[in-house]
Amino acid sequence: MKVSVLVPVYNAGNFLTECLESVLSQDFSDFELLISDNASTDSTPEIIARYAKKDSRIVAWRNSENIGFQKNFQLCLQRAQGEHIKFLCADDKLLVPSALGKMSALLSEKSSVSLVSSAAQLIDPQSKLIRTRKPLATDQVMAGKRAMIHCWERNGNIIGEPSGVMFRRAQSGHWFHGRCLHLLDLEQWFALLEHGDWAYLSEPLFAFRQHPEQGTNTNRKTGVGEKDALVLLTECWQKPWLREMATNRMLFTQIYYLEKYFGEESHPLTSKMRAALGSHRYALRWLAHKIENPVKKLFGD
C-alpha cells in the first residue's frame, strides 16, 4: 500500500463529513483511510460508521476513553501500513483530487526528500476562504537543514500543519514523543529534515480551518507549550551543524524574539547566539528591523 491517510478525531462532527469526502474523492486510489475516534460525544461516531460502510479502504476504531490528542496521533501512526503517511486533521480537508497523488509521487521520485508540503488555503467554519498562504513563491526542493534555518529566519513554521505534509513511514521515528506540546509538529518536521530534503508545492493542496475550538487557540488560552520555541532551539543549538550554518538573519531574529518573550530565561541560549553574531552586527540588524517592521505592517507583509 502506498499511502496511509490518518484522521485522528474528537468532536469534529461539524467538519468530519467534508474532511472524509475530500479523501474519498481523490483520483489516487492506493490508500487506506484510518480514523481514530478519541471518545467523541457528538455526531462523530455516527458519521464514521456511515462512511465505513461505504468504502472498504476505511479502517475505523473508537477509543474507550479520551487518550489525548498526542497519543491519538501516535496510535494512528502505529496502525498505519502505507509507505507514505498523510495526516489529515478532522476539521481540515484536501482541496483537489490530485493532492495525494502529487505528494506521494514526489516522495517516490526523489529519494533525497524526507518531507513534502504545500501552500494552503485558510478557511473559516463555513469553509469560506480567508486567505491563501504561500511561504514560497514557486515549487522547489530545499536542503532539509536549510529549510530549518529558514523557519528560524522567519520565526515561524513555514513547513505547515500536519494536514499539509506527507512523509515516509520508515523515517517517522517516534512521532510526537518529543518535549514540545504546541510546536510538536514542527519538532517532528525538524527531525525529518535533519536527514533529508524538503519538497514544496506552491499549489494549495489542503485547507486549514480556523475556528475557536481548534487546538492552536486552545493552547494559546491555556498556555500549553508556551515555551516550546525556546525548548526546541535550545536542543537544536547543541548540534554542531546548526552553529556552523546559522545565518546572521536567523541569529538576530531568534535573539530578538526569544528575549522579547522569555526574558532572562532565554539568556543561557541567547548569550551564545549573541557571541556568534557579534554586537556590531546585532546593532545593525536591530536598526534595520525597527525601520523595516512598520513598513511590512503597512503593506501587510
Foldseek 3Di string as FASTA:
>chain_A
DAEEEEEEDAQLVLQQVQAVVQQVLAPDDPYAYEYEYQPHDDCVVVVLVVVVVVDVSYDYDYDPHRPDPQVSVQVRLVPDDHQKYAYAYSNKHWDDNCLVVVQSVVVVVDVQAFKEFEKAFEAESVRHTPGTGFPDDAWDKAQLVVVVLVCLLVVHDNRDDSNGMMGGSVQQPRQQPDDADQCSVVLSSSSRRVRGIYTYHHDHGMYDYDDCPDPNNVCVVVVGRVCVVLVSVVVVVVDVVCLVPRDLSSLLSCLVVCCVRPNPVNCVPNVVSCVSNDPVSNVVVVVVCVVVVVVCVVVVD
